Every structure is written in C-alpha cells, then in structure tokens.
C-alpha cells in the first residue's frame, strides 16, 4: 500500500513543527539543573534550605521567566540571557555556572541601586526575582 504524497508531506511538516520547541526546553532545563546544583541544598536539614528548595521546585520556569510566554524573562532571566546563548551554551555546564556566579552581583531591580542583589536574595533563601512594589 502506498502512502499518498500529500499525507507524507503533511506528516513531515507536523514532525518538523513539533520538534522546533525542543532547543528552548533543553536550554531552560539545563539552566535550571545548574541553578539547582549551585544553590539548592537538597540534603540539608535547615528549615531555610528546605523552604528554598521547595520554592525553587514550585517556581520551576518562573525562576527566570514571567507570564505564560517563555520568551518573557524576569530581570534575573534577562541578566542570564546577556551572558548565555541558548543555542551554543546549553551543554556548557562551566559557562552556565560562571554566568550564575556573575549574575549574583547584579541588582534584583536594575532601576533601584538600593535593591538587593540576586546573590543576596538567594543567600537569604529567596528566589532571585525583584521584590514586588
């Protein structure tokens, strides 16, 4: 039995379209895995560490993104995006870790010189997002 050419073409287009979202998901997951490896102390008995681990687990993509569209980044995600390229750096753990370290010194609210740095927020057991005003 022969498959009509039209059906084969439509199937190939559908597969290509569905596969186009994979690089972003791979990048976002790689960054999240490295964030967890650097900051989450999974074996800790400290209440602050447990609360932070739970907040990170609950936040998932919201550590770097805001809203329902993943192209929308919060200030932490924007700071990381300045240092990392989703296409070329996704498998470079050292570069991701270096970017996480460098971003620690940036202010959580770039418009407010008195806002805590991302590193200060993380050290305090809070997610690295700007405080709500």
N, C-alpha and C. Protein backbone atom coordinates (compact mmCIF):
# COMPACT_ATOMS: atom_id res chain seq x y z
N UNK A 1 0.85 -1.19 0.00
CA UNK A 1 0.00 0.00 0.00
C UNK A 1 0.89 1.24 0.00
N UNK A 2 0.60 2.17 -0.85
CA UNK A 2 1.38 3.38 -0.97
C UNK A 2 0.71 4.52 -0.23
N UNK A 3 1.54 5.29 0.46
CA UNK A 3 1.03 6.45 1.18
C UNK A 3 0.96 7.62 0.21
N UNK A 4 -0.16 8.30 0.16
CA UNK A 4 -0.26 9.45 -0.73
C UNK A 4 0.81 10.48 -0.39
N UNK A 5 1.35 11.11 -1.41
CA UNK A 5 2.42 12.09 -1.23
C UNK A 5 1.97 13.23 -0.33
N UNK A 6 0.75 13.66 -0.47
CA UNK A 6 0.23 14.76 0.34
C UNK A 6 0.27 14.39 1.83
N UNK A 7 -0.16 13.19 2.17
CA UNK A 7 -0.16 12.74 3.56
C UNK A 7 1.26 12.69 4.10
N UNK A 8 2.20 12.19 3.33
CA UNK A 8 3.59 12.12 3.76
C UNK A 8 4.16 13.51 3.99
N UNK A 9 3.85 14.45 3.11
CA UNK A 9 4.33 15.82 3.25
C UNK A 9 3.77 16.48 4.51
N UNK A 10 2.48 16.32 4.74
CA UNK A 10 1.84 16.89 5.94
C UNK A 10 2.45 16.28 7.20
N UNK A 11 2.69 14.99 7.19
CA UNK A 11 3.30 14.32 8.34
C UNK A 11 4.69 14.88 8.62
N UNK A 12 5.49 15.07 7.58
CA UNK A 12 6.83 15.62 7.75
C UNK A 12 6.79 17.04 8.30
N UNK A 13 5.85 17.85 7.81
CA UNK A 13 5.70 19.21 8.32
C UNK A 13 5.31 19.21 9.79
N UNK A 14 4.39 18.33 10.17
CA UNK A 14 3.96 18.24 11.56
C UNK A 14 5.12 17.85 12.47
N UNK A 15 5.90 16.89 12.06
CA UNK A 15 7.06 16.46 12.85
C UNK A 15 8.06 17.60 12.99
N UNK A 16 8.32 18.30 11.91
CA UNK A 16 9.26 19.43 11.95
C UNK A 16 8.74 20.53 12.86
N UNK A 17 7.45 20.83 12.79
CA UNK A 17 6.86 21.87 13.62
C UNK A 17 6.90 21.49 15.09
N UNK A 18 6.57 20.27 15.43
CA UNK A 18 6.59 19.83 16.81
C UNK A 18 8.00 19.82 17.39
N UNK A 19 8.97 19.49 16.60
CA UNK A 19 10.34 19.42 17.07
C UNK A 19 11.01 20.75 17.26
N UNK A 20 10.42 21.82 16.77
CA UNK A 20 11.08 23.12 16.84
C UNK A 20 11.17 23.69 18.25
N UNK A 21 10.34 23.24 19.19
CA UNK A 21 10.37 23.76 20.55
C UNK A 21 11.40 23.09 21.44
N UNK A 22 12.00 22.03 21.01
CA UNK A 22 12.90 21.28 21.86
C UNK A 22 14.13 22.05 22.31
N UNK A 23 14.83 22.82 21.46
CA UNK A 23 16.03 23.51 21.94
C UNK A 23 15.77 24.45 23.10
N UNK A 24 14.67 25.20 23.08
CA UNK A 24 14.39 26.09 24.19
C UNK A 24 14.16 25.30 25.47
N UNK A 25 13.38 24.25 25.41
CA UNK A 25 13.12 23.45 26.61
C UNK A 25 14.41 22.84 27.13
N UNK A 26 15.26 22.38 26.24
CA UNK A 26 16.53 21.81 26.65
C UNK A 26 17.38 22.86 27.34
N UNK A 27 17.42 24.07 26.79
CA UNK A 27 18.22 25.14 27.38
C UNK A 27 17.68 25.52 28.74
N UNK A 28 16.38 25.75 28.81
CA UNK A 28 15.79 26.15 30.08
C UNK A 28 16.02 25.09 31.15
N UNK A 29 15.88 23.83 30.79
CA UNK A 29 16.10 22.77 31.76
C UNK A 29 17.56 22.70 32.17
N UNK A 30 18.48 22.89 31.23
CA UNK A 30 19.91 22.86 31.57
C UNK A 30 20.24 23.98 32.54
N UNK A 31 19.69 25.16 32.33
CA UNK A 31 19.95 26.27 33.23
C UNK A 31 19.34 25.99 34.61
N UNK A 32 18.15 25.43 34.62
CA UNK A 32 17.50 25.11 35.90
C UNK A 32 18.29 24.05 36.65
N UNK A 33 18.75 23.03 35.96
CA UNK A 33 19.55 21.96 36.59
C UNK A 33 20.80 22.55 37.23
N UNK A 34 21.46 23.45 36.53
CA UNK A 34 22.68 24.06 37.06
C UNK A 34 22.36 25.01 38.21
N UNK A 35 21.23 25.71 38.14
CA UNK A 35 20.79 26.57 39.26
C UNK A 35 20.59 25.71 40.50
N UNK A 36 19.88 24.61 40.35
CA UNK A 36 19.62 23.70 41.47
C UNK A 36 20.93 23.15 42.02
N UNK A 37 21.84 22.74 41.14
CA UNK A 37 23.12 22.18 41.57
C UNK A 37 23.92 23.21 42.38
N UNK A 38 23.83 24.47 42.00
CA UNK A 38 24.62 25.51 42.66
C UNK A 38 23.99 25.98 43.97
N UNK A 39 22.68 26.13 44.00
CA UNK A 39 22.05 26.82 45.13
C UNK A 39 21.17 25.97 46.04
N UNK A 40 20.64 24.88 45.55
CA UNK A 40 19.71 24.09 46.36
C UNK A 40 20.48 23.03 47.13
N UNK A 41 20.29 23.04 48.43
CA UNK A 41 20.95 22.06 49.31
C UNK A 41 19.92 21.00 49.67
N UNK A 42 19.78 20.03 48.81
CA UNK A 42 18.72 19.02 48.93
C UNK A 42 18.84 18.19 50.19
N UNK A 43 20.05 17.95 50.67
CA UNK A 43 20.24 17.09 51.84
C UNK A 43 20.24 17.84 53.16
N UNK A 44 20.04 19.14 53.11
CA UNK A 44 20.09 19.95 54.32
C UNK A 44 18.87 19.72 55.21
N UNK A 45 19.10 19.80 56.50
CA UNK A 45 18.01 19.73 57.48
C UNK A 45 17.57 21.12 57.93
N UNK A 46 18.27 22.14 57.45
CA UNK A 46 17.96 23.52 57.81
C UNK A 46 16.62 23.92 57.20
N UNK A 47 15.77 24.53 58.01
CA UNK A 47 14.43 24.91 57.55
C UNK A 47 14.49 25.90 56.39
N UNK A 48 15.45 26.85 56.44
CA UNK A 48 15.58 27.84 55.36
C UNK A 48 15.96 27.15 54.05
N UNK A 49 16.89 26.19 54.14
CA UNK A 49 17.30 25.46 52.93
C UNK A 49 16.15 24.64 52.36
N UNK A 50 15.37 24.01 53.23
CA UNK A 50 14.23 23.22 52.78
C UNK A 50 13.18 24.11 52.12
N UNK A 51 12.93 25.28 52.73
CA UNK A 51 11.94 26.21 52.18
C UNK A 51 12.40 26.73 50.81
N UNK A 52 13.71 27.01 50.69
CA UNK A 52 14.23 27.48 49.41
C UNK A 52 14.10 26.39 48.34
N UNK A 53 14.44 25.17 48.70
CA UNK A 53 14.32 24.05 47.76
C UNK A 53 12.87 23.89 47.30
N UNK A 54 11.94 24.02 48.22
CA UNK A 54 10.52 23.91 47.87
C UNK A 54 10.09 25.06 46.96
N UNK A 55 10.59 26.28 47.24
CA UNK A 55 10.25 27.44 46.42
C UNK A 55 10.79 27.28 45.01
N UNK A 56 12.02 26.77 44.89
CA UNK A 56 12.62 26.54 43.56
C UNK A 56 11.82 25.49 42.81
N UNK A 57 11.45 24.42 43.50
CA UNK A 57 10.68 23.36 42.86
C UNK A 57 9.31 23.87 42.39
N UNK A 58 8.69 24.70 43.21
CA UNK A 58 7.38 25.23 42.86
C UNK A 58 7.48 26.27 41.73
N UNK A 59 8.53 27.08 41.75
CA UNK A 59 8.68 28.15 40.76
C UNK A 59 8.96 27.61 39.36
N UNK A 60 9.71 26.52 39.28
CA UNK A 60 10.09 25.92 38.01
C UNK A 60 10.64 26.98 37.05
N UNK A 61 9.95 27.25 35.98
CA UNK A 61 10.42 28.18 34.95
C UNK A 61 10.38 29.64 35.43
N UNK A 62 9.57 29.93 36.45
CA UNK A 62 9.42 31.30 36.93
C UNK A 62 10.67 31.82 37.63
N UNK A 63 11.68 30.98 37.79
CA UNK A 63 12.95 31.48 38.32
C UNK A 63 13.51 32.51 37.33
N UNK A 64 13.36 32.25 36.06
CA UNK A 64 13.88 33.14 35.01
C UNK A 64 12.81 33.79 34.14
N UNK A 65 11.64 33.18 34.09
CA UNK A 65 10.60 33.65 33.18
C UNK A 65 9.41 34.22 33.95
N UNK A 66 8.63 35.03 33.24
CA UNK A 66 7.40 35.56 33.83
C UNK A 66 6.26 35.42 32.82
N UNK A 67 5.10 35.22 33.33
CA UNK A 67 3.96 35.05 32.45
C UNK A 67 3.94 33.68 31.81
N UNK A 68 3.03 33.51 30.86
CA UNK A 68 2.85 32.20 30.23
C UNK A 68 3.72 32.03 28.99
N UNK A 69 4.23 33.10 28.45
CA UNK A 69 5.07 33.03 27.25
C UNK A 69 6.52 32.96 27.71
N UNK A 70 7.21 31.88 27.35
CA UNK A 70 8.56 31.64 27.85
C UNK A 70 9.60 32.62 27.30
N UNK A 71 9.24 33.39 26.29
CA UNK A 71 10.16 34.41 25.81
C UNK A 71 10.23 35.58 26.77
N UNK A 72 9.23 35.71 27.64
CA UNK A 72 9.20 36.80 28.62
C UNK A 72 10.06 36.40 29.82
N UNK A 73 11.12 37.16 30.04
CA UNK A 73 12.02 36.87 31.15
C UNK A 73 11.88 37.93 32.22
N UNK A 74 12.05 37.51 33.48
CA UNK A 74 12.13 38.48 34.56
C UNK A 74 13.54 39.06 34.56
N UNK A 75 13.87 39.94 35.49
CA UNK A 75 15.18 40.59 35.48
C UNK A 75 16.31 39.58 35.66
N UNK A 76 16.10 38.54 36.45
CA UNK A 76 17.13 37.51 36.63
C UNK A 76 17.36 36.77 35.31
N UNK A 77 16.29 36.40 34.64
CA UNK A 77 16.40 35.72 33.35
C UNK A 77 17.06 36.60 32.30
N UNK A 78 16.76 37.90 32.33
CA UNK A 78 17.39 38.83 31.38
C UNK A 78 18.90 38.93 31.64
N UNK A 79 19.27 38.98 32.91
CA UNK A 79 20.70 39.07 33.26
C UNK A 79 21.44 37.83 32.79
N UNK A 80 20.85 36.66 32.95
CA UNK A 80 21.48 35.42 32.47
C UNK A 80 21.53 35.38 30.95
N UNK A 81 20.48 35.86 30.31
CA UNK A 81 20.42 35.84 28.85
C UNK A 81 21.50 36.72 28.22
N UNK A 82 21.94 37.74 28.94
CA UNK A 82 23.03 38.58 28.45
C UNK A 82 24.35 37.81 28.38
N UNK A 83 24.48 36.77 29.21
CA UNK A 83 25.74 36.02 29.31
C UNK A 83 25.72 34.67 28.61
N UNK A 84 24.54 34.15 28.34
CA UNK A 84 24.42 32.81 27.79
C UNK A 84 23.67 32.81 26.47
N UNK A 85 24.07 31.91 25.60
CA UNK A 85 23.39 31.71 24.33
C UNK A 85 22.72 30.35 24.37
N UNK A 86 21.39 30.34 24.25
CA UNK A 86 20.64 29.08 24.36
C UNK A 86 21.07 28.05 23.33
N UNK A 87 21.54 28.49 22.19
CA UNK A 87 21.90 27.55 21.14
C UNK A 87 23.29 26.96 21.33
N UNK A 88 24.22 27.74 21.84
CA UNK A 88 25.60 27.25 21.92
C UNK A 88 26.06 26.88 23.32
N UNK A 89 25.39 27.38 24.36
CA UNK A 89 25.88 27.17 25.72
C UNK A 89 25.11 26.12 26.53
N UNK A 90 24.10 25.52 25.94
CA UNK A 90 23.23 24.63 26.68
C UNK A 90 23.97 23.44 27.30
N UNK A 91 25.01 22.97 26.66
CA UNK A 91 25.76 21.83 27.18
C UNK A 91 27.04 22.23 27.91
N UNK A 92 27.25 23.53 28.09
CA UNK A 92 28.47 24.03 28.71
C UNK A 92 28.20 24.35 30.19
N UNK A 93 28.31 23.34 31.03
CA UNK A 93 28.00 23.50 32.45
C UNK A 93 28.87 24.55 33.12
N UNK A 94 30.15 24.60 32.74
CA UNK A 94 31.06 25.56 33.34
C UNK A 94 30.64 27.00 33.02
N UNK A 95 30.24 27.23 31.78
CA UNK A 95 29.81 28.57 31.39
C UNK A 95 28.51 28.95 32.09
N UNK A 96 27.60 28.00 32.22
CA UNK A 96 26.34 28.27 32.92
C UNK A 96 26.63 28.60 34.38
N UNK A 97 27.50 27.81 35.02
CA UNK A 97 27.85 28.07 36.41
C UNK A 97 28.53 29.43 36.57
N UNK A 98 29.41 29.78 35.64
CA UNK A 98 30.09 31.08 35.68
C UNK A 98 29.08 32.22 35.53
N UNK A 99 28.10 32.04 34.66
CA UNK A 99 27.06 33.06 34.47
C UNK A 99 26.22 33.21 35.73
N UNK A 100 25.85 32.10 36.35
CA UNK A 100 25.10 32.16 37.60
C UNK A 100 25.89 32.94 38.65
N UNK A 101 27.17 32.68 38.75
CA UNK A 101 28.03 33.37 39.72
C UNK A 101 28.10 34.85 39.42
N UNK A 102 28.30 35.19 38.16
CA UNK A 102 28.43 36.60 37.77
C UNK A 102 27.14 37.38 38.02
N UNK A 103 26.02 36.76 37.77
CA UNK A 103 24.72 37.43 37.93
C UNK A 103 24.40 37.68 39.41
N UNK A 104 25.04 36.94 40.30
CA UNK A 104 24.80 37.14 41.74
C UNK A 104 25.02 38.59 42.16
N UNK A 105 25.95 39.28 41.52
CA UNK A 105 26.30 40.65 41.93
C UNK A 105 25.37 41.72 41.33
N UNK A 106 24.48 41.33 40.45
CA UNK A 106 23.57 42.31 39.83
C UNK A 106 22.38 42.58 40.75
N UNK A 107 21.90 43.79 40.67
CA UNK A 107 20.74 44.21 41.48
C UNK A 107 19.47 43.52 40.98
N UNK A 108 18.62 43.12 41.92
CA UNK A 108 17.38 42.45 41.54
C UNK A 108 16.42 43.39 40.84
N UNK A 109 16.55 44.67 41.10
CA UNK A 109 15.79 45.69 40.39
C UNK A 109 16.80 46.64 39.78
N UNK A 110 17.08 46.50 38.49
CA UNK A 110 18.12 47.31 37.86
C UNK A 110 17.89 48.82 37.98
N UNK A 111 16.65 49.23 38.23
CA UNK A 111 16.33 50.65 38.33
C UNK A 111 16.52 51.19 39.74
N UNK A 112 16.82 50.31 40.70
CA UNK A 112 16.93 50.71 42.09
C UNK A 112 18.29 50.28 42.65
N UNK A 113 19.18 51.24 42.84
CA UNK A 113 20.52 50.95 43.34
C UNK A 113 20.52 50.39 44.76
N UNK A 114 19.41 50.52 45.47
CA UNK A 114 19.33 50.02 46.85
C UNK A 114 18.69 48.64 46.92
N UNK A 115 18.25 48.11 45.79
CA UNK A 115 17.62 46.78 45.80
C UNK A 115 18.69 45.73 46.10
N UNK A 116 18.28 44.61 46.70
CA UNK A 116 19.26 43.55 46.98
C UNK A 116 19.77 42.93 45.69
N UNK A 117 20.97 42.39 45.74
CA UNK A 117 21.50 41.68 44.58
C UNK A 117 20.81 40.32 44.50
N UNK A 118 20.92 39.71 43.34
CA UNK A 118 20.36 38.36 43.20
C UNK A 118 21.03 37.40 44.18
N UNK A 119 22.32 37.56 44.37
CA UNK A 119 23.06 36.71 45.31
C UNK A 119 22.59 36.89 46.74
N UNK A 120 22.30 38.13 47.12
CA UNK A 120 21.80 38.40 48.48
C UNK A 120 20.44 37.73 48.68
N UNK A 121 19.59 37.81 47.67
CA UNK A 121 18.28 37.17 47.77
C UNK A 121 18.43 35.66 47.94
N UNK A 122 19.28 35.06 47.11
CA UNK A 122 19.47 33.61 47.17
C UNK A 122 20.06 33.21 48.52
N UNK A 123 21.05 33.96 48.99
CA UNK A 123 21.66 33.66 50.29
C UNK A 123 20.64 33.75 51.43
N UNK A 124 19.66 34.65 51.25
CA UNK A 124 18.61 34.80 52.26
C UNK A 124 17.50 33.75 52.11
N UNK A 125 17.67 32.86 51.14
CA UNK A 125 16.67 31.80 50.94
C UNK A 125 15.48 32.23 50.11
N UNK A 126 15.66 33.29 49.32
CA UNK A 126 14.57 33.80 48.48
C UNK A 126 14.91 33.56 47.01
N UNK A 127 13.88 33.49 46.19
CA UNK A 127 14.09 33.36 44.75
C UNK A 127 14.69 34.65 44.20
N UNK A 128 15.50 34.56 43.15
CA UNK A 128 16.16 35.75 42.61
C UNK A 128 15.27 36.58 41.70
N UNK A 129 14.21 37.08 42.24
CA UNK A 129 13.31 37.95 41.47
C UNK A 129 13.16 39.26 42.21
N UNK A 130 12.88 40.30 41.49
CA UNK A 130 12.74 41.62 42.09
C UNK A 130 11.59 41.61 43.10
N UNK A 131 11.78 42.28 44.23
CA UNK A 131 10.70 42.37 45.19
C UNK A 131 9.53 43.14 44.59
N UNK A 132 8.33 42.70 44.91
CA UNK A 132 7.14 43.39 44.40
C UNK A 132 6.99 44.72 45.11
N UNK A 133 6.61 45.73 44.34
CA UNK A 133 6.45 47.07 44.93
C UNK A 133 5.02 47.42 45.07
